[in-house]
Amino acid sequence: MDAQGWNERYAKAERVFSAEPNPLIVELAGPLPPGRALDLAAGEGRHALWLAHRGWRVTAVDFSEVGLDKGRRAADADGLAVEWVVADVRSYRPATAFDLVLMAFYHPDFSERPRVFSVAAGAVAPGGHLLVAGRHLRDLGRDGGRGPRDPARRYTPEQLAGAFPGIELTQCEPRTRLVEGDDGPIEITDVLAFGVSSPRRV
């Protein structure tokens, strides 16, 4: 879906996605000391807002102006300072390095991944962390319509291992959780990649 499609989708509802951060993000980013964070494909800003509440200085990037406007209004209401950048993650080039680069449930296709992943990894400051989470390929067709329908936009741990130049992944694995479906709880599987940039990087 392009920027116009996402703008239209975000405009039709007060919120498209939960206002609460994903449990994986809370688990892994929660213990990190606050610093500068880059939230790529931030959508409505739920993770950017959560990080800002925890003392992070956050830059949130997405090509949907409508989505970011929702995040901006929420930040203003809570007295939070977040930099909201309307830009396509596929062509965005950050001007500085960050202590945390987050890419949560953004699913570029195979042809786009090398460029996007390289930019994400390159934006991590020496000693900083990269956190990527997305929907697992094996859940296609059995996850209640959550996540991309195109298999080329879903992840496996094998695809993410070694995909981020200069990042030493400490975790790259599937994670299963229960969510509420139309007919009761359903089990869905995410893929998590979490690692640190070598302090020797220049």
C-alpha atoms as a PDB file:
ATOM      1  CA  MET A   1       0.000   0.000   0.000  1.00  0.00           C
ATOM      2  CA  ASP A   2       1.315   3.439  -0.915  1.00  0.00           C
ATOM      3  CA  ALA A   3       1.198   6.633   1.141  1.00  0.00           C
ATOM      4  CA  GLN A   4      -2.203   7.634  -0.212  1.00  0.00           C
ATOM      5  CA  GLY A   5      -3.642   4.234   0.674  1.00  0.00           C
ATOM      6  CA  TRP A   6      -2.333   4.442   4.223  1.00  0.00           C
ATOM      7  CA  ASN A   7      -3.582   8.020   4.578  1.00  0.00           C
ATOM      8  CA  GLU A   8      -7.055   6.871   3.572  1.00  0.00           C
ATOM      9  CA  ARG A   9      -6.925   3.899   5.922  1.00  0.00           C
ATOM     10  CA  TYR A  10      -5.782   5.989   8.886  1.00  0.00           C
ATOM     11  CA  ALA A  11      -8.439   8.626   8.144  1.00  0.00           C
ATOM     12  CA  LYS A  12     -11.286   6.110   8.411  1.00  0.00           C
ATOM     13  CA  ALA A  13     -10.765   5.223  12.065  1.00  0.00           C
ATOM     14  CA  GLU A  14      -9.697   6.878  15.277  1.00  0.00           C
ATOM     15  CA  ARG A  15      -6.969   4.242  15.501  1.00  0.00           C
ATOM     16  CA  VAL A  16      -6.081   1.472  13.062  1.00  0.00           C
ATOM     17  CA  PHE A  17      -3.638  -0.229  15.416  1.00  0.00           C
ATOM     18  CA  SER A  18      -3.513  -0.522  19.186  1.00  0.00           C
ATOM     19  CA  ALA A  19      -2.311   2.485  21.136  1.00  0.00           C
ATOM     20  CA  GLU A  20      -0.262   0.147  23.315  1.00  0.00           C
ATOM     21  CA  PRO A  21       3.293  -0.855  22.344  1.00  0.00           C
ATOM     22  CA  ASN A  22       3.896  -4.377  21.108  1.00  0.00           C
ATOM     23  CA  PRO A  23       5.059  -6.686  23.937  1.00  0.00           C
ATOM     24  CA  LEU A  24       8.253  -7.569  22.055  1.00  0.00           C
ATOM     25  CA  ILE A  25       9.223  -3.914  21.875  1.00  0.00           C
ATOM     26  CA  VAL A  26       8.523  -3.433  25.573  1.00  0.00           C
ATOM     27  CA  GLU A  27      10.546  -6.521  26.492  1.00  0.00           C
ATOM     28  CA  LEU A  28      13.646  -5.582  24.545  1.00  0.00           C
ATOM     29  CA  ALA A  29      13.665  -1.781  24.474  1.00  0.00           C
ATOM     30  CA  GLY A  30      12.335  -1.370  28.006  1.00  0.00           C
ATOM     31  CA  PRO A  31      15.625  -2.165  29.788  1.00  0.00           C
ATOM     32  CA  LEU A  32      17.719   0.118  27.548  1.00  0.00           C
ATOM     33  CA  PRO A  33      18.874   3.463  28.953  1.00  0.00           C
ATOM     34  CA  PRO A  34      17.148   6.374  27.188  1.00  0.00           C
ATOM     35  CA  GLY A  35      19.013   8.129  24.410  1.00  0.00           C
ATOM     36  CA  ARG A  36      18.233   9.030  20.804  1.00  0.00           C
ATOM     37  CA  ALA A  37      15.770   6.708  19.046  1.00  0.00           C
ATOM     38  CA  LEU A  38      14.690   6.394  15.421  1.00  0.00           C
ATOM     39  CA  ASP A  39      11.303   4.782  14.773  1.00  0.00           C
ATOM     40  CA  LEU A  40      11.136   3.770  11.108  1.00  0.00           C
ATOM     41  CA  ALA A  41       7.651   3.294   9.614  1.00  0.00           C
ATOM     42  CA  ALA A  42       6.178   4.714  12.806  1.00  0.00           C
ATOM     43  CA  GLY A  43       2.558   4.681  11.605  1.00  0.00           C
ATOM     44  CA  GLU A  44       0.317   6.269  14.242  1.00  0.00           C
ATOM     45  CA  GLY A  45       3.287   6.614  16.563  1.00  0.00           C
ATOM     46  CA  ARG A  46       2.481   4.147  19.327  1.00  0.00           C
ATOM     47  CA  HIS A  47       6.105   3.058  19.806  1.00  0.00           C
ATOM     48  CA  ALA A  48       7.492   6.570  19.373  1.00  0.00           C
ATOM     49  CA  LEU A  49       5.121   7.789  22.077  1.00  0.00           C
ATOM     50  CA  TRP A  50       5.985   4.920  24.397  1.00  0.00           C
ATOM     51  CA  LEU A  51       9.707   5.619  23.989  1.00  0.00           C
ATOM     52  CA  ALA A  52       9.196   9.352  24.535  1.00  0.00           C
ATOM     53  CA  HIS A  53       7.293   8.642  27.743  1.00  0.00           C
ATOM     54  CA  ARG A  54      10.359   6.706  28.900  1.00  0.00           C
ATOM     55  CA  GLY A  55      12.687   9.632  28.299  1.00  0.00           C
ATOM     56  CA  TRP A  56      13.941   8.874  24.787  1.00  0.00           C
ATOM     57  CA  ARG A  57      14.501  11.667  22.255  1.00  0.00           C
ATOM     58  CA  VAL A  58      12.567  10.204  19.350  1.00  0.00           C
ATOM     59  CA  THR A  59      12.496  10.789  15.614  1.00  0.00           C
ATOM     60  CA  ALA A  60       9.478   9.071  14.041  1.00  0.00           C
ATOM     61  CA  VAL A  61       9.459   8.527  10.271  1.00  0.00           C
ATOM     62  CA  ASP A  62       6.557   7.433   8.069  1.00  0.00           C
ATOM     63  CA  PHE A  63       5.209   8.323   4.634  1.00  0.00           C
ATOM     64  CA  SER A  64       1.661   8.710   5.973  1.00  0.00           C
ATOM     65  CA  GLU A  65       1.060  12.279   7.059  1.00  0.00           C
ATOM     66  CA  VAL A  66      -2.325  11.283   8.490  1.00  0.00           C
ATOM     67  CA  GLY A  67      -0.771   8.577  10.650  1.00  0.00           C
ATOM     68  CA  LEU A  68       1.934  10.871  11.974  1.00  0.00           C
ATOM     69  CA  ASP A  69      -0.618  13.612  12.663  1.00  0.00           C
ATOM     70  CA  LYS A  70      -2.347  11.219  15.053  1.00  0.00           C
ATOM     71  CA  GLY A  71       0.932  10.632  16.833  1.00  0.00           C
ATOM     72  CA  ARG A  72       1.688  14.344  16.916  1.00  0.00           C
ATOM     73  CA  ARG A  73      -1.651  15.159  18.516  1.00  0.00           C
ATOM     74  CA  ALA A  74      -1.151  12.463  21.139  1.00  0.00           C
ATOM     75  CA  ALA A  75       2.350  13.750  21.883  1.00  0.00           C
ATOM     76  CA  ASP A  76       1.084  17.319  22.231  1.00  0.00           C
ATOM     77  CA  ALA A  77      -1.668  16.175  24.589  1.00  0.00           C
ATOM     78  CA  ASP A  78       0.893  14.417  26.787  1.00  0.00           C
ATOM     79  CA  GLY A  79       3.480  17.198  26.608  1.00  0.00           C
ATOM     80  CA  LEU A  80       5.983  15.027  24.739  1.00  0.00           C
ATOM     81  CA  ALA A  81       8.611  16.281  22.304  1.00  0.00           C
ATOM     82  CA  VAL A  82       8.850  13.958  19.287  1.00  0.00           C
ATOM     83  CA  GLU A  83      10.268  14.838  15.878  1.00  0.00           C
ATOM     84  CA  TRP A  84       7.727  13.691  13.259  1.00  0.00           C
ATOM     85  CA  VAL A  85       9.195  13.264   9.762  1.00  0.00           C
ATOM     86  CA  VAL A  86       6.980  12.590   6.748  1.00  0.00           C
ATOM     87  CA  ALA A  87       9.251  10.533   4.502  1.00  0.00           C
ATOM     88  CA  ASP A  88       9.365   7.193   2.728  1.00  0.00           C
ATOM     89  CA  VAL A  89      11.532   4.792   4.722  1.00  0.00           C
ATOM     90  CA  ARG A  90      12.752   3.305   1.436  1.00  0.00           C
ATOM     91  CA  SER A  91      14.477   6.568   0.487  1.00  0.00           C
ATOM     92  CA  TYR A  92      14.985   8.212   3.894  1.00  0.00           C
ATOM     93  CA  ARG A  93      18.549   8.951   4.946  1.00  0.00           C
ATOM     94  CA  PRO A  94      19.005   9.967   8.606  1.00  0.00           C
ATOM     95  CA  ALA A  95      21.377  12.847   9.221  1.00  0.00           C
ATOM     96  CA  THR A  96      22.652  11.495  12.537  1.00  0.00           C
ATOM     97  CA  ALA A  97      23.151   8.217  14.399  1.00  0.00           C
ATOM     98  CA  PHE A  98      20.839   6.816  17.054  1.00  0.00           C
ATOM     99  CA  ASP A  99      21.189   4.747  20.204  1.00  0.00           C
ATOM    100  CA  LEU A 100      18.156   2.715  19.158  1.00  0.00           C
ATOM    101  CA  VAL A 101      16.776   2.112  15.685  1.00  0.00           C
ATOM    102  CA  LEU A 102      13.351   0.483  15.727  1.00  0.00           C
ATOM    103  CA  MET A 103      11.559  -1.021  12.746  1.00  0.00           C
ATOM    104  CA  ALA A 104       8.372  -2.590  14.088  1.00  0.00           C
ATOM    105  CA  PHE A 105       6.046  -4.405  11.702  1.00  0.00           C
ATOM    106  CA  TYR A 106       7.253  -2.718   8.549  1.00  0.00           C
ATOM    107  CA  HIS A 107       7.457  -5.313   5.782  1.00  0.00           C
ATOM    108  CA  PRO A 108       9.385  -4.264   2.665  1.00  0.00           C
ATOM    109  CA  ASP A 109       9.445  -6.814  -0.116  1.00  0.00           C
ATOM    110  CA  PHE A 110      12.544  -8.770  -1.110  1.00  0.00           C
ATOM    111  CA  SER A 111      13.753  -6.199  -3.633  1.00  0.00           C
ATOM    112  CA  GLU A 112      13.552  -3.353  -1.108  1.00  0.00           C
ATOM    113  CA  ARG A 113      15.055  -5.103   1.891  1.00  0.00           C
ATOM    114  CA  PRO A 114      18.791  -4.723   1.215  1.00  0.00           C
ATOM    115  CA  ARG A 115      18.496  -0.950   0.904  1.00  0.00           C
ATOM    116  CA  VAL A 116      16.093  -0.513   3.829  1.00  0.00           C
ATOM    117  CA  PHE A 117      18.014  -2.854   6.123  1.00  0.00           C
ATOM    118  CA  SER A 118      21.322  -1.204   5.259  1.00  0.00           C
ATOM    119  CA  VAL A 119      19.941   2.245   6.104  1.00  0.00           C
ATOM    120  CA  ALA A 120      18.466   0.983   9.379  1.00  0.00           C
ATOM    121  CA  ALA A 121      21.703  -0.696  10.419  1.00  0.00           C
ATOM    122  CA  GLY A 122      23.799   2.273   9.338  1.00  0.00           C
ATOM    123  CA  ALA A 123      21.744   4.626  11.499  1.00  0.00           C
ATOM    124  CA  VAL A 124      22.736   2.818  14.704  1.00  0.00           C
ATOM    125  CA  ALA A 125      25.437   4.601  16.688  1.00  0.00           C
ATOM    126  CA  PRO A 126      28.428   2.553  17.860  1.00  0.00           C
ATOM    127  CA  GLY A 127      27.262   0.553  20.848  1.00  0.00           C
ATOM    128  CA  GLY A 128      23.617   1.260  20.012  1.00  0.00           C
ATOM    129  CA  HIS A 129      20.866  -1.248  19.313  1.00  0.00           C
ATOM    130  CA  LEU A 130      18.765  -2.321  16.345  1.00  0.00           C
ATOM    131  CA  LEU A 131      15.338  -3.850  16.957  1.00  0.00           C
ATOM    132  CA  VAL A 132      13.284  -5.298  14.105  1.00  0.00           C
ATOM    133  CA  ALA A 133       9.997  -7.161  14.482  1.00  0.00           C
ATOM    134  CA  GLY A 134       7.587  -8.418  11.837  1.00  0.00           C
ATOM    135  CA  ARG A 135       5.131 -11.114  10.885  1.00  0.00           C
ATOM    136  CA  HIS A 136       6.372 -14.664  10.260  1.00  0.00           C
ATOM    137  CA  LEU A 137       5.959 -16.254   6.841  1.00  0.00           C
ATOM    138  CA  ARG A 138       4.590 -19.464   8.327  1.00  0.00           C
ATOM    139  CA  ASP A 139       1.541 -17.621   9.686  1.00  0.00           C
ATOM    140  CA  LEU A 140       0.346 -16.581   6.229  1.00  0.00           C
ATOM    141  CA  GLY A 141      -3.317 -17.512   5.886  1.00  0.00           C
ATOM    142  CA  ARG A 142      -3.787 -18.596   9.479  1.00  0.00           C
ATOM    143  CA  ASP A 143      -3.338 -15.416  11.492  1.00  0.00           C
ATOM    144  CA  GLY A 144      -6.752 -13.865  11.047  1.00  0.00           C
ATOM    145  CA  GLY A 145      -5.608 -11.461   8.342  1.00  0.00           C
ATOM    146  CA  ARG A 146      -2.943  -9.839  10.492  1.00  0.00           C
ATOM    147  CA  GLY A 147       0.103  -8.831   8.530  1.00  0.00           C
ATOM    148  CA  PRO A 148       0.900  -8.797   4.809  1.00  0.00           C
ATOM    149  CA  ARG A 149      -0.902 -11.152   2.457  1.00  0.00           C
ATOM    150  CA  ASP A 150       2.074 -11.178   0.101  1.00  0.00           C
ATOM    151  CA  PRO A 151       4.572 -13.861   1.214  1.00  0.00           C
ATOM    152  CA  ALA A 152       7.412 -11.734  -0.174  1.00  0.00           C
ATOM    153  CA  ARG A 153       6.678  -9.207   2.564  1.00  0.00           C
ATOM    154  CA  ARG A 154       6.847 -11.604   5.492  1.00  0.00           C
ATOM    155  CA  TYR A 155       9.932 -12.624   7.431  1.00  0.00           C
ATOM    156  CA  THR A 156      11.716 -15.724   8.610  1.00  0.00           C
ATOM    157  CA  PRO A 157      14.615 -15.744  11.083  1.00  0.00           C
ATOM    158  CA  GLU A 158      16.839 -17.143   8.352  1.00  0.00           C
ATOM    159  CA  GLN A 159      16.102 -14.136   6.139  1.00  0.00           C
ATOM    160  CA  LEU A 160      16.989 -11.640   8.861  1.00  0.00           C
ATOM    161  CA  ALA A 161      20.132 -13.347  10.132  1.00  0.00           C
ATOM    162  CA  GLY A 162      23.082 -11.525   8.588  1.00  0.00           C
ATOM    163  CA  ALA A 163      20.832  -8.985   6.842  1.00  0.00           C
ATOM    164  CA  PHE A 164      22.009  -5.962   8.841  1.00  0.00           C
ATOM    165  CA  PRO A 165      25.585  -4.859   8.064  1.00  0.00           C
ATOM    166  CA  GLY A 166      27.671  -4.047  11.128  1.00  0.00           C
ATOM    167  CA  ILE A 167      25.077  -5.340  13.595  1.00  0.00           C
ATOM    168  CA  GLU A 168      25.833  -8.299  15.848  1.00  0.00           C
ATOM    169  CA  LEU A 169      22.466  -9.958  16.399  1.00  0.00           C
ATOM    170  CA  THR A 170      22.062 -11.371  19.882  1.00  0.00           C
ATOM    171  CA  GLN A 171      18.549 -12.610  19.118  1.00  0.00           C
ATOM    172  CA  CYS A 172      17.035 -13.645  15.798  1.00  0.00           C
ATOM    173  CA  GLU A 173      14.116 -15.955  16.368  1.00  0.00           C
ATOM    174  CA  PRO A 174      10.378 -16.595  16.120  1.00  0.00           C
ATOM    175  CA  ARG A 175       8.146 -15.477  18.972  1.00  0.00           C
ATOM    176  CA  THR A 176       4.601 -16.791  19.446  1.00  0.00           C
ATOM    177  CA  ARG A 177       1.814 -14.944  21.264  1.00  0.00           C
ATOM    178  CA  LEU A 178      -1.952 -15.077  21.704  1.00  0.00           C
ATOM    179  CA  VAL A 179      -4.214 -12.318  20.399  1.00  0.00           C
ATOM    180  CA  GLU A 180      -7.980 -11.970  20.346  1.00  0.00           C
ATOM    181  CA  GLY A 181      -9.569 -13.096  17.093  1.00  0.00           C
ATOM    182  CA  ASP A 182     -13.170 -12.929  15.916  1.00  0.00           C
ATOM    183  CA  ASP A 183     -13.868 -16.378  17.347  1.00  0.00           C
ATOM    184  CA  GLY A 184     -11.597 -16.258  20.375  1.00  0.00           C
ATOM    185  CA  PRO A 185      -7.835 -16.264  20.958  1.00  0.00           C
ATOM    186  CA  ILE A 186      -5.558 -17.165  18.069  1.00  0.00           C
ATOM    187  CA  GLU A 187      -1.844 -17.905  18.075  1.00  0.00           C
ATOM    188  CA  ILE A 188       0.348 -15.733  15.893  1.00  0.00           C
ATOM    189  CA  THR A 189       4.086 -15.793  15.329  1.00  0.00           C
ATOM    190  CA  ASP A 190       6.383 -12.813  14.908  1.00  0.00           C
ATOM    191  CA  VAL A 191      10.029 -12.714  13.896  1.00  0.00           C
ATOM    192  CA  LEU A 192      12.410 -10.764  16.102  1.00  0.00           C
ATOM    193  CA  ALA A 193      15.890  -9.483  15.292  1.00  0.00           C
ATOM    194  CA  PHE A 194      17.740  -7.627  18.045  1.00  0.00           C
ATOM    195  CA  GLY A 195      21.392  -6.703  18.159  1.00  0.00           C
ATOM    196  CA  VAL A 196      24.098  -4.183  18.873  1.00  0.00           C
ATOM    197  CA  SER A 197      26.353  -2.119  16.647  1.00  0.00           C
ATOM    198  CA  SER A 198      30.024  -2.762  17.182  1.00  0.00           C
ATOM    199  CA  PRO A 199      31.648  -0.023  19.308  1.00  0.00           C
ATOM    200  CA  ARG A 200      34.548  -0.113  16.861  1.00  0.00           C
ATOM    201  CA  ARG A 201      32.404   1.152  13.993  1.00  0.00           C
ATOM    202  CA  VAL A 202      33.304   4.546  12.597  1.00  0.00           C
END
